[in-house]
Amino acid sequence: MKSRGKQTKVIYRLMDCYNKLCYTKEDKRKMKNIMSISDFIQLIIACVTFIAVIVALFANRFWEWLDRPHISVYFNDENTENYHQTSMELRNGAGQLIESIPTYYVRLKITNLGKRTLENTEVILEKVEPQPNVFMSLNLSWAGQVADGTGIARIVRIPQEQSRIIDVLEVMEPTQTLNFIKNLSNNDPSIKRYEKYSKGFRSCSIRPNTLSDIFTAGTYIFHLGIYADNTEPKLVKLSIKYDGNWGTQGIKGMRKKHLRIKLVDNG
């Protein structure tokens, strides 16, 4: 009987040790789970902190990029804002009117579709196909915008959802332009200029431009670049076909037969 009692005690002790061992493993497992949750929370805190730093550093830049100005270019030859006839008044050195010559102007409408003002916007005639013998990349002039000193604006500000008009080219009535030369003295340096002008058209570039702004009648592609300080540049192509004739059917006949303009690539 004593032997059986000792065996029972041994069994109880083994069971007790087993229970303690199991409890220890369970305890370790619980502790491991607690540490895993703690590590996960620390990771979340670290990520949130990192994101907060990134936002603090780049949030303004992101919103500026999102609200950046956006350049839009518009042309319609049936819109008088883009294609219209007026008169070019030519005066002598004393300011006296010598001749008033009918002239067609071709213009592009530049619009800011963004949420910030376009700063220091300029339009440059960068390339012409085919390239004339005399050519320089020159700024075009903004219509109705006057700059101090020069009298012609090279750059303008364009507020959001507002537009400005850029003069691209002008065509004077050929016969009257040639006749105007008779009013000039023989040594007048502008004689050569008007002789060439009577055979074609001129780009509305800002001086000094020598004779690089005058083109003989023909077919050309103007490559224009629109630039501003605070947005990406926009490059467009304008097709120009001028046969050198003025026509007798007014502006409708002019744009359909003699001076045909088309925006062939709007960037």
Foldseek 3Di string as FASTA:
>chain_A
DVVVVVVVVVVVVVVVVVVVVVVVVVVVVVVVVVVVVVVVVVVVVVVVVVVVVVCVVCVVVVVCVVQFWDKFKDADCVDCLAKHKDWDFDDDPVRDTDDTWIKIWGKIKIATAGQAKFAFKWKWQPDKVVQDPDADIFTFFWPPDQDPPQGTDGTDIHHHGGITMTTFKMATALVVLLVSLVVDDPPDPCNVVSPQRSQFIFTRGGDPPPNNRGDGAAWMKTWMWIDTDTDDIWIWIKIWHAPSHDDDPPSVCCCVPGTPMDGPGGD
